[in-house]
Amino acid sequence: MRILLDTNVLISAFISRGLCSRLLEHCAENHTLVTSEPIVEELREKMLRKFRMSPPAVERAIGTLFDGMEVIAPAPLETSVSRDPDDDVILASALAGACEIIISGDADLLDLTVYEGISILSPRHFWDLDANPQG
């Protein structure tokens, strides 16, 4: 499957050794991970400003997190879809990357459940369906 991980999932995967980090590893080993330059830039900005990481540490983290991911350039959506217009770049990225699934912890995206045939699942929901089907 082609999967896009929302920025909040990537941040969680990087800052803690929990579900999101296991999910990232599982997806990297078993699926095709897709991202976009806007997602990379949002993650870079949050690491620099919110987590106050040094620029060299941010670049190492970016290199590690996105190594092996397919990076695409999304076209803007014709009309806003999400309640939070900032989330439209996630939808546009998944659409441009021909993804089947978006994994996100964002309530505005999760409330959509599906966009243009792309399922939008929480990390726990995807984990239970794909990585740990026995529960």
N, C-alpha and C. Protein backbone atom coordinates (compact mmCIF):
# COMPACT_ATOMS: atom_id res chain seq x y z
N MET A 1 0.83 -1.18 0.00
CA MET A 1 0.00 0.00 0.00
C MET A 1 0.87 1.24 0.00
N ARG A 2 0.32 2.29 -0.57
CA ARG A 2 0.98 3.60 -0.55
C ARG A 2 0.34 4.40 0.59
N ILE A 3 1.19 4.85 1.51
CA ILE A 3 0.72 5.47 2.74
C ILE A 3 1.41 6.81 2.96
N LEU A 4 0.62 7.79 3.41
CA LEU A 4 1.16 9.08 3.80
C LEU A 4 0.96 9.25 5.30
N LEU A 5 2.03 9.59 6.00
CA LEU A 5 1.97 9.86 7.44
C LEU A 5 1.89 11.37 7.64
N ASP A 6 0.86 11.81 8.38
CA ASP A 6 0.70 13.22 8.68
C ASP A 6 1.88 13.69 9.53
N THR A 7 2.11 14.98 9.53
CA THR A 7 3.22 15.56 10.29
C THR A 7 3.15 15.21 11.77
N ASN A 8 1.94 15.20 12.35
CA ASN A 8 1.83 14.91 13.78
C ASN A 8 2.27 13.48 14.09
N VAL A 9 2.06 12.56 13.17
CA VAL A 9 2.51 11.17 13.37
C VAL A 9 4.03 11.11 13.27
N LEU A 10 4.60 11.83 12.32
CA LEU A 10 6.05 11.85 12.17
C LEU A 10 6.73 12.46 13.40
N ILE A 11 6.15 13.53 13.92
CA ILE A 11 6.71 14.15 15.13
C ILE A 11 6.66 13.16 16.28
N SER A 12 5.53 12.52 16.46
CA SER A 12 5.39 11.53 17.54
C SER A 12 6.38 10.38 17.36
N ALA A 13 6.58 9.96 16.12
CA ALA A 13 7.52 8.87 15.85
C ALA A 13 8.94 9.28 16.23
N PHE A 14 9.26 10.56 16.02
CA PHE A 14 10.61 11.03 16.29
C PHE A 14 10.85 11.28 17.77
N ILE A 15 9.88 11.88 18.47
CA ILE A 15 10.15 12.32 19.84
C ILE A 15 9.92 11.25 20.90
N SER A 16 9.21 10.18 20.58
CA SER A 16 8.99 9.15 21.59
C SER A 16 9.04 7.76 20.97
N ARG A 17 9.41 6.80 21.76
CA ARG A 17 9.46 5.41 21.30
C ARG A 17 8.15 4.73 21.65
N GLY A 18 7.09 5.11 20.96
CA GLY A 18 5.78 4.54 21.23
C GLY A 18 5.15 4.00 19.96
N LEU A 19 3.84 4.04 19.94
CA LEU A 19 3.08 3.50 18.82
C LEU A 19 3.51 4.09 17.48
N CYS A 20 3.65 5.40 17.41
CA CYS A 20 3.97 6.04 16.13
C CYS A 20 5.36 5.64 15.61
N SER A 21 6.32 5.47 16.50
CA SER A 21 7.65 5.03 16.03
C SER A 21 7.58 3.59 15.52
N ARG A 22 6.83 2.72 16.22
CA ARG A 22 6.65 1.34 15.74
C ARG A 22 5.89 1.33 14.41
N LEU A 23 4.92 2.20 14.30
CA LEU A 23 4.13 2.31 13.08
C LEU A 23 4.99 2.76 11.91
N LEU A 24 5.83 3.75 12.13
CA LEU A 24 6.73 4.22 11.09
C LEU A 24 7.64 3.09 10.62
N GLU A 25 8.22 2.36 11.55
CA GLU A 25 9.09 1.24 11.19
C GLU A 25 8.33 0.17 10.42
N HIS A 26 7.13 -0.17 10.88
CA HIS A 26 6.30 -1.17 10.20
C HIS A 26 5.98 -0.73 8.77
N CYS A 27 5.55 0.51 8.62
CA CYS A 27 5.18 1.01 7.29
C CYS A 27 6.39 1.07 6.36
N ALA A 28 7.54 1.48 6.89
CA ALA A 28 8.75 1.53 6.07
C ALA A 28 9.16 0.15 5.57
N GLU A 29 8.92 -0.86 6.38
CA GLU A 29 9.30 -2.23 6.01
C GLU A 29 8.27 -2.92 5.12
N ASN A 30 7.00 -2.54 5.22
CA ASN A 30 5.94 -3.30 4.57
C ASN A 30 5.14 -2.54 3.51
N HIS A 31 5.34 -1.26 3.41
CA HIS A 31 4.54 -0.44 2.50
C HIS A 31 5.42 0.60 1.82
N THR A 32 4.85 1.34 0.90
CA THR A 32 5.53 2.47 0.29
C THR A 32 5.09 3.74 1.00
N LEU A 33 6.04 4.43 1.61
CA LEU A 33 5.73 5.68 2.30
C LEU A 33 5.93 6.85 1.35
N VAL A 34 4.95 7.73 1.35
CA VAL A 34 4.95 8.91 0.48
C VAL A 34 4.90 10.14 1.36
N THR A 35 5.62 11.16 0.98
CA THR A 35 5.56 12.45 1.67
C THR A 35 5.68 13.54 0.63
N SER A 36 5.70 14.78 1.09
CA SER A 36 5.82 15.92 0.17
C SER A 36 6.72 16.97 0.79
N GLU A 37 7.20 17.86 -0.05
CA GLU A 37 8.05 18.95 0.44
C GLU A 37 7.34 19.80 1.48
N PRO A 38 6.03 20.12 1.33
CA PRO A 38 5.38 20.88 2.39
C PRO A 38 5.36 20.16 3.75
N ILE A 39 5.25 18.85 3.74
CA ILE A 39 5.27 18.09 4.99
C ILE A 39 6.68 18.13 5.58
N VAL A 40 7.68 17.96 4.75
CA VAL A 40 9.07 18.04 5.22
C VAL A 40 9.33 19.42 5.83
N GLU A 41 8.86 20.46 5.15
CA GLU A 41 9.09 21.82 5.65
C GLU A 41 8.35 22.09 6.95
N GLU A 42 7.12 21.58 7.07
CA GLU A 42 6.37 21.75 8.32
C GLU A 42 7.08 21.05 9.47
N LEU A 43 7.57 19.85 9.22
CA LEU A 43 8.29 19.12 10.26
C LEU A 43 9.57 19.86 10.64
N ARG A 44 10.29 20.34 9.66
CA ARG A 44 11.53 21.09 9.92
C ARG A 44 11.23 22.30 10.80
N GLU A 45 10.20 23.05 10.46
CA GLU A 45 9.84 24.26 11.20
C GLU A 45 9.45 23.92 12.64
N LYS A 46 8.68 22.87 12.85
CA LYS A 46 8.26 22.49 14.20
C LYS A 46 9.45 22.02 15.04
N MET A 47 10.36 21.29 14.43
CA MET A 47 11.53 20.82 15.17
C MET A 47 12.40 22.00 15.59
N LEU A 48 12.54 22.97 14.70
CA LEU A 48 13.37 24.14 15.02
C LEU A 48 12.72 25.03 16.06
N ARG A 49 11.43 25.34 15.88
CA ARG A 49 10.78 26.32 16.74
C ARG A 49 10.13 25.72 17.98
N LYS A 50 9.34 24.68 17.79
CA LYS A 50 8.62 24.12 18.93
C LYS A 50 9.52 23.30 19.84
N PHE A 51 10.39 22.48 19.24
CA PHE A 51 11.25 21.61 20.03
C PHE A 51 12.66 22.18 20.21
N ARG A 52 12.92 23.32 19.59
CA ARG A 52 14.18 24.06 19.74
C ARG A 52 15.42 23.20 19.48
N MET A 53 15.32 22.38 18.47
CA MET A 53 16.46 21.56 18.08
C MET A 53 17.43 22.40 17.26
N SER A 54 18.69 22.06 17.31
CA SER A 54 19.68 22.79 16.52
C SER A 54 19.49 22.45 15.03
N PRO A 55 19.82 23.38 14.14
CA PRO A 55 19.68 23.10 12.71
C PRO A 55 20.38 21.81 12.25
N PRO A 56 21.63 21.54 12.71
CA PRO A 56 22.25 20.28 12.28
C PRO A 56 21.47 19.04 12.78
N ALA A 57 20.95 19.09 14.01
CA ALA A 57 20.17 17.96 14.53
C ALA A 57 18.88 17.79 13.74
N VAL A 58 18.27 18.90 13.37
CA VAL A 58 17.03 18.83 12.57
C VAL A 58 17.33 18.19 11.22
N GLU A 59 18.40 18.59 10.59
CA GLU A 59 18.72 18.03 9.27
C GLU A 59 19.02 16.54 9.36
N ARG A 60 19.70 16.11 10.43
CA ARG A 60 19.94 14.67 10.61
C ARG A 60 18.62 13.93 10.82
N ALA A 61 17.74 14.51 11.62
CA ALA A 61 16.43 13.87 11.88
C ALA A 61 15.61 13.80 10.60
N ILE A 62 15.60 14.88 9.85
CA ILE A 62 14.86 14.91 8.57
C ILE A 62 15.40 13.83 7.65
N GLY A 63 16.72 13.76 7.55
CA GLY A 63 17.33 12.74 6.69
C GLY A 63 16.95 11.34 7.11
N THR A 64 16.95 11.08 8.41
CA THR A 64 16.60 9.76 8.93
C THR A 64 15.12 9.45 8.71
N LEU A 65 14.25 10.39 9.07
CA LEU A 65 12.81 10.15 8.97
C LEU A 65 12.35 9.93 7.52
N PHE A 66 12.91 10.70 6.60
CA PHE A 66 12.41 10.66 5.23
C PHE A 66 13.23 9.78 4.30
N ASP A 67 14.27 9.15 4.84
CA ASP A 67 15.08 8.24 4.04
C ASP A 67 14.21 7.10 3.51
N GLY A 68 14.21 6.92 2.22
CA GLY A 68 13.44 5.85 1.61
C GLY A 68 12.01 6.21 1.28
N MET A 69 11.55 7.40 1.70
CA MET A 69 10.20 7.81 1.35
C MET A 69 10.20 8.43 -0.04
N GLU A 70 9.11 8.27 -0.75
CA GLU A 70 8.92 8.92 -2.04
C GLU A 70 8.42 10.34 -1.77
N VAL A 71 9.15 11.34 -2.23
CA VAL A 71 8.78 12.73 -2.02
C VAL A 71 8.12 13.26 -3.28
N ILE A 72 6.89 13.74 -3.15
CA ILE A 72 6.14 14.24 -4.30
C ILE A 72 5.87 15.73 -4.12
N ALA A 73 5.44 16.36 -5.21
CA ALA A 73 5.07 17.78 -5.19
C ALA A 73 3.57 17.88 -5.43
N PRO A 74 2.80 18.16 -4.37
CA PRO A 74 1.35 18.22 -4.56
C PRO A 74 0.89 19.50 -5.22
N ALA A 75 -0.18 19.41 -6.00
CA ALA A 75 -0.85 20.60 -6.52
C ALA A 75 -1.88 21.02 -5.48
N PRO A 76 -2.11 22.31 -5.32
CA PRO A 76 -3.14 22.74 -4.36
C PRO A 76 -4.51 22.19 -4.74
N LEU A 77 -5.33 21.91 -3.74
CA LEU A 77 -6.70 21.47 -4.00
C LEU A 77 -7.49 22.63 -4.60
N GLU A 78 -8.43 22.32 -5.48
CA GLU A 78 -9.23 23.38 -6.11
C GLU A 78 -10.10 24.11 -5.09
N THR A 79 -10.65 23.35 -4.13
CA THR A 79 -11.44 23.95 -3.06
C THR A 79 -11.00 23.34 -1.73
N SER A 80 -11.14 24.12 -0.67
CA SER A 80 -10.77 23.61 0.64
C SER A 80 -11.70 22.48 1.04
N VAL A 81 -11.13 21.45 1.66
CA VAL A 81 -11.89 20.26 2.04
C VAL A 81 -12.01 20.14 3.55
N SER A 82 -10.92 20.30 4.25
CA SER A 82 -10.89 20.12 5.70
C SER A 82 -11.39 21.37 6.42
N ARG A 83 -11.89 21.19 7.64
CA ARG A 83 -12.27 22.34 8.47
C ARG A 83 -11.08 23.25 8.70
N ASP A 84 -9.89 22.64 8.77
CA ASP A 84 -8.65 23.41 8.93
C ASP A 84 -7.97 23.44 7.57
N PRO A 85 -7.99 24.58 6.90
CA PRO A 85 -7.41 24.66 5.55
C PRO A 85 -5.94 24.23 5.48
N ASP A 86 -5.21 24.33 6.61
CA ASP A 86 -3.81 23.89 6.63
C ASP A 86 -3.70 22.38 6.39
N ASP A 87 -4.76 21.65 6.68
CA ASP A 87 -4.74 20.20 6.48
C ASP A 87 -4.93 19.80 5.01
N ASP A 88 -5.35 20.76 4.19
CA ASP A 88 -5.56 20.44 2.78
C ASP A 88 -4.27 20.00 2.08
N VAL A 89 -3.12 20.47 2.56
CA VAL A 89 -1.85 20.05 1.95
C VAL A 89 -1.61 18.55 2.19
N ILE A 90 -2.09 18.02 3.31
CA ILE A 90 -1.97 16.59 3.58
C ILE A 90 -2.82 15.82 2.56
N LEU A 91 -4.06 16.28 2.37
CA LEU A 91 -4.94 15.64 1.40
C LEU A 91 -4.38 15.74 -0.02
N ALA A 92 -3.88 16.92 -0.38
CA ALA A 92 -3.31 17.12 -1.71
C ALA A 92 -2.08 16.25 -1.92
N SER A 93 -1.28 16.11 -0.88
CA SER A 93 -0.07 15.28 -0.97
C SER A 93 -0.45 13.81 -1.18
N ALA A 94 -1.42 13.33 -0.41
CA ALA A 94 -1.85 11.94 -0.56
C ALA A 94 -2.46 11.69 -1.94
N LEU A 95 -3.21 12.66 -2.43
CA LEU A 95 -3.82 12.54 -3.75
C LEU A 95 -2.74 12.50 -4.83
N ALA A 96 -1.80 13.42 -4.77
CA ALA A 96 -0.72 13.48 -5.76
C ALA A 96 0.17 12.24 -5.69
N GLY A 97 0.30 11.67 -4.50
CA GLY A 97 1.14 10.48 -4.33
C GLY A 97 0.40 9.18 -4.55
N ALA A 98 -0.84 9.25 -5.02
CA ALA A 98 -1.66 8.05 -5.28
C ALA A 98 -1.72 7.13 -4.05
N CYS A 99 -1.87 7.75 -2.87
CA CYS A 99 -1.91 6.98 -1.63
C CYS A 99 -3.28 6.33 -1.43
N GLU A 100 -3.25 5.23 -0.73
CA GLU A 100 -4.50 4.56 -0.36
C GLU A 100 -4.92 4.93 1.05
N ILE A 101 -3.94 5.36 1.86
CA ILE A 101 -4.21 5.64 3.28
C ILE A 101 -3.42 6.86 3.73
N ILE A 102 -4.08 7.68 4.55
CA ILE A 102 -3.43 8.73 5.32
C ILE A 102 -3.53 8.29 6.78
N ILE A 103 -2.41 8.34 7.49
CA ILE A 103 -2.43 8.05 8.93
C ILE A 103 -2.20 9.38 9.64
N SER A 104 -3.17 9.75 10.48
CA SER A 104 -3.12 11.05 11.13
C SER A 104 -3.73 10.98 12.52
N GLY A 105 -3.29 11.88 13.37
CA GLY A 105 -3.90 12.05 14.68
C GLY A 105 -4.74 13.32 14.73
N ASP A 106 -4.90 13.97 13.60
CA ASP A 106 -5.62 15.24 13.51
C ASP A 106 -7.13 15.00 13.40
N ALA A 107 -7.88 15.52 14.37
CA ALA A 107 -9.34 15.29 14.40
C ALA A 107 -10.04 15.81 13.16
N ASP A 108 -9.58 16.94 12.62
CA ASP A 108 -10.23 17.49 11.43
C ASP A 108 -10.09 16.54 10.24
N LEU A 109 -8.94 15.92 10.10
CA LEU A 109 -8.76 14.94 9.02
C LEU A 109 -9.50 13.64 9.33
N LEU A 110 -9.38 13.17 10.55
CA LEU A 110 -10.02 11.91 10.92
C LEU A 110 -11.54 11.97 10.75
N ASP A 111 -12.13 13.14 10.98
CA ASP A 111 -13.57 13.28 10.80
C ASP A 111 -14.00 13.10 9.34
N LEU A 112 -13.09 13.32 8.41
CA LEU A 112 -13.42 13.11 6.99
C LEU A 112 -13.58 11.61 6.68
N THR A 113 -12.84 10.78 7.33
CA THR A 113 -12.76 9.31 7.17
C THR A 113 -12.26 8.86 5.80
N VAL A 114 -12.72 9.49 4.73
CA VAL A 114 -12.27 9.14 3.38
C VAL A 114 -12.25 10.42 2.54
N TYR A 115 -11.23 10.55 1.70
CA TYR A 115 -11.16 11.65 0.75
C TYR A 115 -10.71 11.10 -0.60
N GLU A 116 -11.54 11.27 -1.61
CA GLU A 116 -11.21 10.80 -2.97
C GLU A 116 -10.73 9.34 -2.96
N GLY A 117 -11.37 8.51 -2.16
CA GLY A 117 -11.02 7.10 -2.08
C GLY A 117 -9.84 6.78 -1.18
N ILE A 118 -9.28 7.80 -0.54
CA ILE A 118 -8.14 7.61 0.37
C ILE A 118 -8.69 7.51 1.80
N SER A 119 -8.45 6.38 2.45
CA SER A 119 -8.90 6.21 3.84
C SER A 119 -8.02 7.03 4.77
N ILE A 120 -8.66 7.64 5.77
CA ILE A 120 -7.94 8.43 6.76
C ILE A 120 -8.13 7.73 8.10
N LEU A 121 -7.02 7.22 8.64
CA LEU A 121 -7.07 6.40 9.85
C LEU A 121 -6.15 6.96 10.93
N SER A 122 -6.51 6.73 12.17
CA SER A 122 -5.64 7.08 13.28
C SER A 122 -4.49 6.07 13.33
N PRO A 123 -3.39 6.44 13.98
CA PRO A 123 -2.30 5.47 14.13
C PRO A 123 -2.76 4.17 14.77
N ARG A 124 -3.56 4.24 15.83
CA ARG A 124 -4.02 3.03 16.51
C ARG A 124 -4.90 2.18 15.59
N HIS A 125 -5.81 2.81 14.86
CA HIS A 125 -6.69 2.07 13.96
C HIS A 125 -5.88 1.34 12.89
N PHE A 126 -4.94 2.04 12.26
CA PHE A 126 -4.12 1.40 11.24
C PHE A 126 -3.29 0.27 11.85
N TRP A 127 -2.70 0.52 13.02
CA TRP A 127 -1.89 -0.51 13.68
C TRP A 127 -2.71 -1.77 13.93
N ASP A 128 -3.92 -1.58 14.45
CA ASP A 128 -4.77 -2.73 14.76
C ASP A 128 -5.20 -3.48 13.50
N LEU A 129 -5.39 -2.77 12.40
CA LEU A 129 -5.79 -3.42 11.15
C LEU A 129 -4.64 -4.09 10.41
N ASP A 130 -3.48 -3.45 10.40
CA ASP A 130 -2.40 -3.88 9.52
C ASP A 130 -1.23 -4.54 10.23
N ALA A 131 -0.80 -3.96 11.33
CA ALA A 131 0.41 -4.46 11.97
C ALA A 131 0.13 -5.43 13.09
N ASN A 132 -1.04 -5.32 13.67
CA ASN A 132 -1.38 -6.16 14.81
C ASN A 132 -2.83 -6.61 14.68
N PRO A 133 -3.16 -7.36 13.61
CA PRO A 133 -4.56 -7.70 13.35
C PRO A 133 -5.22 -8.55 14.44
N GLN A 134 -4.43 -9.18 15.28
CA GLN A 134 -5.02 -10.00 16.35
C GLN A 134 -5.41 -9.16 17.56
N GLY A 135 -5.01 -7.86 17.53
CA GLY A 135 -5.35 -6.97 18.65
C GLY A 135 -4.29 -7.03 19.65
